[in-house]
PDB file of all heavy atoms in Angstrom:
ATOM      1  N   CYS A   1       8.181  -1.538   8.247  1.00  0.00           N
ATOM      2  CA  CYS A   1       7.815  -0.205   7.753  1.00  0.00           C
ATOM      3  C   CYS A   1       6.608   0.215   8.508  1.00  0.00           C
ATOM      4  O   CYS A   1       5.649  -0.564   8.774  1.00  0.00           O
ATOM      5  CB  CYS A   1       7.419  -0.256   6.311  1.00  0.00           C
ATOM      6  SG  CYS A   1       8.910  -0.602   5.392  1.00  0.00           S
ATOM      7  N   ASP A   2       6.491   1.526   8.825  1.00  0.00           N
ATOM      8  CA  ASP A   2       5.307   2.152   9.282  1.00  0.00           C
ATOM      9  C   ASP A   2       4.167   2.386   8.253  1.00  0.00           C
ATOM     10  O   ASP A   2       3.067   2.196   8.483  1.00  0.00           O
ATOM     11  CB  ASP A   2       5.603   3.432   9.997  1.00  0.00           C
ATOM     12  CG  ASP A   2       6.540   3.351  11.105  1.00  0.00           C
ATOM     13  OD1 ASP A   2       6.425   2.333  11.867  1.00  0.00           O
ATOM     14  OD2 ASP A   2       7.406   4.031  11.267  1.00  0.00           O
ATOM     15  N   ARG A   3       4.742   2.725   7.060  1.00  0.00           N
ATOM     16  CA  ARG A   3       3.854   2.853   5.993  1.00  0.00           C
ATOM     17  C   ARG A   3       4.452   2.135   4.739  1.00  0.00           C
ATOM     18  O   ARG A   3       5.772   2.165   4.608  1.00  0.00           O
ATOM     19  CB  ARG A   3       3.668   4.429   5.589  1.00  0.00           C
ATOM     20  CG  ARG A   3       3.007   5.233   6.546  1.00  0.00           C
ATOM     21  CD  ARG A   3       2.746   6.591   6.123  1.00  0.00           C
ATOM     22  NE  ARG A   3       1.880   6.672   4.965  1.00  0.00           N
ATOM     23  CZ  ARG A   3       0.417   6.411   5.016  1.00  0.00           C
ATOM     24  NH1 ARG A   3      -0.076   6.245   6.065  1.00  0.00           N
ATOM     25  NH2 ARG A   3      -0.188   6.609   3.802  1.00  0.00           N
ATOM     26  N   ILE A   4       3.609   1.566   3.781  1.00  0.00           N
ATOM     27  CA  ILE A   4       4.229   0.832   2.758  1.00  0.00           C
ATOM     28  C   ILE A   4       3.394   1.306   1.495  1.00  0.00           C
ATOM     29  O   ILE A   4       2.277   1.655   1.403  1.00  0.00           O
ATOM     30  CB  ILE A   4       3.723  -0.745   2.930  1.00  0.00           C
ATOM     31  CG1 ILE A   4       4.366  -1.219   4.121  1.00  0.00           C
ATOM     32  CG2 ILE A   4       4.011  -1.482   1.702  1.00  0.00           C
ATOM     33  CD1 ILE A   4       3.961  -2.616   4.565  1.00  0.00           C
ATOM     34  N   ALA A   5       4.110   1.525   0.379  1.00  0.00           N
ATOM     35  CA  ALA A   5       3.612   1.737  -0.932  1.00  0.00           C
ATOM     36  C   ALA A   5       3.907   0.511  -1.793  1.00  0.00           C
ATOM     37  O   ALA A   5       4.888  -0.013  -1.818  1.00  0.00           O
ATOM     38  CB  ALA A   5       4.347   3.008  -1.564  1.00  0.00           C
ATOM     39  N   ILE A   6       2.808   0.002  -2.373  1.00  0.00           N
ATOM     40  CA  ILE A   6       2.870  -0.993  -3.416  1.00  0.00           C
ATOM     41  C   ILE A   6       2.914  -0.499  -4.789  1.00  0.00           C
ATOM     42  O   ILE A   6       2.115   0.225  -5.184  1.00  0.00           O
ATOM     43  CB  ILE A   6       1.842  -2.049  -3.152  1.00  0.00           C
ATOM     44  CG1 ILE A   6       1.804  -2.604  -1.718  1.00  0.00           C
ATOM     45  CG2 ILE A   6       1.779  -3.063  -4.153  1.00  0.00           C
ATOM     46  CD1 ILE A   6       0.661  -3.567  -1.370  1.00  0.00           C
ATOM     47  N   ILE A   7       4.092  -0.833  -5.434  1.00  0.00           N
ATOM     48  CA  ILE A   7       4.261  -0.519  -6.683  1.00  0.00           C
ATOM     49  C   ILE A   7       4.263  -1.700  -7.693  1.00  0.00           C
ATOM     50  O   ILE A   7       4.836  -2.668  -7.454  1.00  0.00           O
ATOM     51  CB  ILE A   7       5.630   0.325  -6.984  1.00  0.00           C
ATOM     52  CG1 ILE A   7       5.662   1.500  -6.119  1.00  0.00           C
ATOM     53  CG2 ILE A   7       5.911   0.704  -8.383  1.00  0.00           C
ATOM     54  CD1 ILE A   7       7.021   2.145  -5.925  1.00  0.00           C
ATOM     55  N   ASP A   8       3.388  -1.612  -8.752  1.00  0.00           N
ATOM     56  CA  ASP A   8       3.372  -2.635  -9.737  1.00  0.00           C
ATOM     57  C   ASP A   8       3.586  -2.004 -11.197  1.00  0.00           C
ATOM     58  O   ASP A   8       2.861  -1.076 -11.541  1.00  0.00           O
ATOM     59  CB  ASP A   8       1.861  -3.128  -9.618  1.00  0.00           C
ATOM     60  CG  ASP A   8       1.639  -4.391 -10.475  1.00  0.00           C
ATOM     61  OD1 ASP A   8       2.582  -5.064 -10.691  1.00  0.00           O
ATOM     62  OD2 ASP A   8       0.424  -4.477 -11.082  1.00  0.00           O
ATOM     63  N   ARG A   9       4.552  -2.586 -11.800  1.00  0.00           N
ATOM     64  CA  ARG A   9       4.894  -2.110 -13.135  1.00  0.00           C
ATOM     65  C   ARG A   9       5.013  -0.666 -13.225  1.00  0.00           C
ATOM     66  O   ARG A   9       4.698   0.089 -14.051  1.00  0.00           O
ATOM     67  CB  ARG A   9       3.891  -2.686 -14.148  1.00  0.00           C
ATOM     68  CG  ARG A   9       3.906  -4.132 -14.404  1.00  0.00           C
ATOM     69  CD  ARG A   9       2.892  -4.453 -15.473  1.00  0.00           C
ATOM     70  NE  ARG A   9       1.881  -5.419 -14.708  1.00  0.00           N
ATOM     71  CZ  ARG A   9       0.834  -5.577 -15.271  1.00  0.00           C
ATOM     72  NH1 ARG A   9       0.479  -5.221 -16.505  1.00  0.00           N
ATOM     73  NH2 ARG A   9      -0.022  -6.206 -14.658  1.00  0.00           N
ATOM     74  N   GLY A  10       5.763  -0.121 -12.096  1.00  0.00           N
ATOM     75  CA  GLY A  10       6.153   1.301 -12.359  1.00  0.00           C
ATOM     76  C   GLY A  10       5.042   2.240 -11.740  1.00  0.00           C
ATOM     77  O   GLY A  10       5.243   3.472 -11.657  1.00  0.00           O
ATOM     78  N   ARG A  11       3.962   1.784 -11.256  1.00  0.00           N
ATOM     79  CA  ARG A  11       2.707   2.645 -10.733  1.00  0.00           C
ATOM     80  C   ARG A  11       2.471   2.237  -9.360  1.00  0.00           C
ATOM     81  O   ARG A  11       2.435   0.990  -9.009  1.00  0.00           O
ATOM     82  CB  ARG A  11       1.628   2.415 -11.605  1.00  0.00           C
ATOM     83  CG  ARG A  11       1.556   3.028 -12.934  1.00  0.00           C
ATOM     84  CD  ARG A  11       0.289   3.018 -13.601  1.00  0.00           C
ATOM     85  NE  ARG A  11      -0.775   2.376 -12.787  1.00  0.00           N
ATOM     86  CZ  ARG A  11      -1.530   1.353 -13.196  1.00  0.00           C
ATOM     87  NH1 ARG A  11      -1.598   0.850 -14.302  1.00  0.00           N
ATOM     88  NH2 ARG A  11      -2.319   0.783 -12.352  1.00  0.00           N
ATOM     89  N   LYS A  12       2.341   3.346  -8.487  1.00  0.00           N
ATOM     90  CA  LYS A  12       1.927   3.056  -7.169  1.00  0.00           C
ATOM     91  C   LYS A  12       0.388   2.724  -7.216  1.00  0.00           C
ATOM     92  O   LYS A  12      -0.396   3.474  -7.702  1.00  0.00           O
ATOM     93  CB  LYS A  12       2.142   4.323  -6.357  1.00  0.00           C
ATOM     94  CG  LYS A  12       1.605   4.150  -4.875  1.00  0.00           C
ATOM     95  CD  LYS A  12       2.138   5.174  -4.005  1.00  0.00           C
ATOM     96  CE  LYS A  12       1.143   6.485  -4.426  1.00  0.00           C
ATOM     97  NZ  LYS A  12       1.367   7.566  -3.375  1.00  0.00           N
ATOM     98  N   ILE A  13       0.043   1.585  -6.714  1.00  0.00           N
ATOM     99  CA  ILE A  13      -1.327   1.087  -6.630  1.00  0.00           C
ATOM    100  C   ILE A  13      -1.984   1.162  -5.301  1.00  0.00           C
ATOM    101  O   ILE A  13      -3.152   0.966  -5.207  1.00  0.00           O
ATOM    102  CB  ILE A  13      -1.560  -0.341  -7.424  1.00  0.00           C
ATOM    103  CG1 ILE A  13      -0.825  -1.411  -6.567  1.00  0.00           C
ATOM    104  CG2 ILE A  13      -1.091  -0.324  -8.750  1.00  0.00           C
ATOM    105  CD1 ILE A  13      -1.088  -2.847  -7.005  1.00  0.00           C
ATOM    106  N   ALA A  14      -1.174   1.201  -4.240  1.00  0.00           N
ATOM    107  CA  ALA A  14      -1.655   1.380  -2.866  1.00  0.00           C
ATOM    108  C   ALA A  14      -0.551   1.877  -1.999  1.00  0.00           C
ATOM    109  O   ALA A  14       0.516   1.660  -2.253  1.00  0.00           O
ATOM    110  CB  ALA A  14      -2.164  -0.109  -2.335  1.00  0.00           C
ATOM    111  N   GLU A  15      -1.100   2.569  -1.046  1.00  0.00           N
ATOM    112  CA  GLU A  15      -0.169   3.071   0.104  1.00  0.00           C
ATOM    113  C   GLU A  15      -0.825   3.236   1.297  1.00  0.00           C
ATOM    114  O   GLU A  15      -2.096   3.530   1.463  1.00  0.00           O
ATOM    115  CB  GLU A  15       0.377   4.486  -0.370  1.00  0.00           C
ATOM    116  CG  GLU A  15       1.255   5.056   0.632  1.00  0.00           C
ATOM    117  CD  GLU A  15       1.587   6.588   0.145  1.00  0.00           C
ATOM    118  OE1 GLU A  15       1.289   7.021  -0.936  1.00  0.00           O
ATOM    119  OE2 GLU A  15       2.337   7.135   1.089  1.00  0.00           O
ATOM    120  N   GLY A  16      -0.219   2.808   2.515  1.00  0.00           N
ATOM    121  CA  GLY A  16      -0.680   3.062   3.753  1.00  0.00           C
ATOM    122  C   GLY A  16      -0.062   2.160   4.846  1.00  0.00           C
ATOM    123  O   GLY A  16       0.846   1.476   4.556  1.00  0.00           O
ATOM    124  N   THR A  17      -0.677   2.136   5.952  1.00  0.00           N
ATOM    125  CA  THR A  17      -0.230   1.304   7.065  1.00  0.00           C
ATOM    126  C   THR A  17      -0.693  -0.149   6.667  1.00  0.00           C
ATOM    127  O   THR A  17      -1.586  -0.326   5.802  1.00  0.00           O
ATOM    128  CB  THR A  17      -0.663   1.769   8.411  1.00  0.00           C
ATOM    129  OG1 THR A  17      -2.192   1.562   8.315  1.00  0.00           O
ATOM    130  CG2 THR A  17      -0.350   3.041   8.687  1.00  0.00           C
ATOM    131  N   MET A  18      -0.257  -1.027   7.431  1.00  0.00           N
ATOM    132  CA  MET A  18      -0.813  -2.308   7.138  1.00  0.00           C
ATOM    133  C   MET A  18      -2.335  -2.467   7.443  1.00  0.00           C
ATOM    134  O   MET A  18      -3.016  -3.002   6.732  1.00  0.00           O
ATOM    135  CB  MET A  18      -0.150  -3.521   8.000  1.00  0.00           C
ATOM    136  CG  MET A  18       1.333  -3.956   7.582  1.00  0.00           C
ATOM    137  SD  MET A  18       1.291  -4.779   5.860  1.00  0.00           S
ATOM    138  CE  MET A  18       0.272  -6.319   6.364  1.00  0.00           C
ATOM    139  N   LYS A  19      -2.731  -1.837   8.531  1.00  0.00           N
ATOM    140  CA  LYS A  19      -4.097  -1.763   8.748  1.00  0.00           C
ATOM    141  C   LYS A  19      -4.953  -1.053   7.613  1.00  0.00           C
ATOM    142  O   LYS A  19      -6.002  -1.570   7.120  1.00  0.00           O
ATOM    143  CB  LYS A  19      -4.466  -0.919  10.076  1.00  0.00           C
ATOM    144  CG  LYS A  19      -5.765  -0.914  10.453  1.00  0.00           C
ATOM    145  CD  LYS A  19      -5.973  -0.068  11.733  1.00  0.00           C
ATOM    146  CE  LYS A  19      -7.489  -0.054  12.214  1.00  0.00           C
ATOM    147  NZ  LYS A  19      -7.592   0.570  13.418  1.00  0.00           N
ATOM    148  N   GLU A  20      -4.498  -0.068   7.025  1.00  0.00           N
ATOM    149  CA  GLU A  20      -5.122   0.669   5.940  1.00  0.00           C
ATOM    150  C   GLU A  20      -5.172  -0.192   4.687  1.00  0.00           C
ATOM    151  O   GLU A  20      -6.062  -0.219   3.978  1.00  0.00           O
ATOM    152  CB  GLU A  20      -4.404   2.010   5.563  1.00  0.00           C
ATOM    153  CG  GLU A  20      -4.658   2.997   6.800  1.00  0.00           C
ATOM    154  CD  GLU A  20      -3.687   4.269   6.659  1.00  0.00           C
ATOM    155  OE1 GLU A  20      -2.624   4.213   5.927  1.00  0.00           O
ATOM    156  OE2 GLU A  20      -4.044   5.324   7.197  1.00  0.00           O
ATOM    157  N   LEU A  21      -4.024  -0.904   4.383  1.00  0.00           N
ATOM    158  CA  LEU A  21      -4.000  -1.805   3.358  1.00  0.00           C
ATOM    159  C   LEU A  21      -4.940  -2.870   3.343  1.00  0.00           C
ATOM    160  O   LEU A  21      -5.623  -3.313   2.511  1.00  0.00           O
ATOM    161  CB  LEU A  21      -2.613  -2.380   3.068  1.00  0.00           C
ATOM    162  CG  LEU A  21      -1.430  -1.301   2.624  1.00  0.00           C
ATOM    163  CD1 LEU A  21      -0.193  -1.900   2.627  1.00  0.00           C
ATOM    164  CD2 LEU A  21      -1.840  -0.706   1.271  1.00  0.00           C
ATOM    165  N   ARG A  22      -5.013  -3.393   4.628  1.00  0.00           N
ATOM    166  CA  ARG A  22      -5.999  -4.562   4.949  1.00  0.00           C
ATOM    167  C   ARG A  22      -7.505  -3.902   4.640  1.00  0.00           C
ATOM    168  O   ARG A  22      -8.284  -4.654   4.022  1.00  0.00           O
ATOM    169  CB  ARG A  22      -5.922  -5.066   6.280  1.00  0.00           C
ATOM    170  CG  ARG A  22      -4.642  -5.860   6.470  1.00  0.00           C
ATOM    171  CD  ARG A  22      -4.533  -6.440   7.951  1.00  0.00           C
ATOM    172  NE  ARG A  22      -3.332  -7.164   8.075  1.00  0.00           N
ATOM    173  CZ  ARG A  22      -2.380  -6.841   8.871  1.00  0.00           C
ATOM    174  NH1 ARG A  22      -2.538  -5.837   9.692  1.00  0.00           N
ATOM    175  NH2 ARG A  22      -1.328  -7.687   9.006  1.00  0.00           N
ATOM    176  N   GLN A  23      -7.786  -2.748   5.260  1.00  0.00           N
ATOM    177  CA  GLN A  23      -9.167  -2.250   4.990  1.00  0.00           C
ATOM    178  C   GLN A  23      -9.401  -1.885   3.608  1.00  0.00           C
ATOM    179  O   GLN A  23     -10.620  -2.123   3.155  1.00  0.00           O
ATOM    180  CB  GLN A  23      -9.132  -0.933   5.877  1.00  0.00           C
ATOM    181  CG  GLN A  23      -9.216  -1.175   7.381  1.00  0.00           C
ATOM    182  CD  GLN A  23      -9.173   0.015   8.261  1.00  0.00           C
ATOM    183  OE1 GLN A  23      -8.853   1.114   7.856  1.00  0.00           O
ATOM    184  NE2 GLN A  23      -9.523  -0.056   9.526  1.00  0.00           N
ATOM    185  N   ALA A  24      -8.378  -1.423   2.848  1.00  0.00           N
ATOM    186  CA  ALA A  24      -8.579  -1.128   1.431  1.00  0.00           C
ATOM    187  C   ALA A  24      -9.115  -2.413   0.693  1.00  0.00           C
ATOM    188  O   ALA A  24      -9.718  -2.360  -0.376  1.00  0.00           O
ATOM    189  CB  ALA A  24      -7.411  -0.662   0.750  1.00  0.00           C
ATOM    190  N   ARG A  25      -8.715  -3.464   1.108  1.00  0.00           N
ATOM    191  CA  ARG A  25      -9.162  -4.871   0.398  1.00  0.00           C
ATOM    192  C   ARG A  25     -10.172  -5.501   1.246  1.00  0.00           C
ATOM    193  O   ARG A  25     -10.604  -6.646   0.892  1.00  0.00           O
ATOM    194  CB  ARG A  25      -7.894  -5.903   0.503  1.00  0.00           C
ATOM    195  CG  ARG A  25      -6.764  -5.343  -0.462  1.00  0.00           C
ATOM    196  CD  ARG A  25      -7.270  -5.253  -1.951  1.00  0.00           C
ATOM    197  NE  ARG A  25      -7.842  -6.614  -2.359  1.00  0.00           N
ATOM    198  CZ  ARG A  25      -9.003  -6.616  -3.309  1.00  0.00           C
ATOM    199  NH1 ARG A  25      -9.305  -5.665  -3.783  1.00  0.00           N
ATOM    200  NH2 ARG A  25      -9.468  -7.754  -3.506  1.00  0.00           N
TER     201      ARG A  25
END
């Protein structure tokens, strides 16, 4: 995937490229 959305219990909690997801954390 170029972009990933992480869904937890039916809610999107994060979205972005791997680089963006790493930066968010």
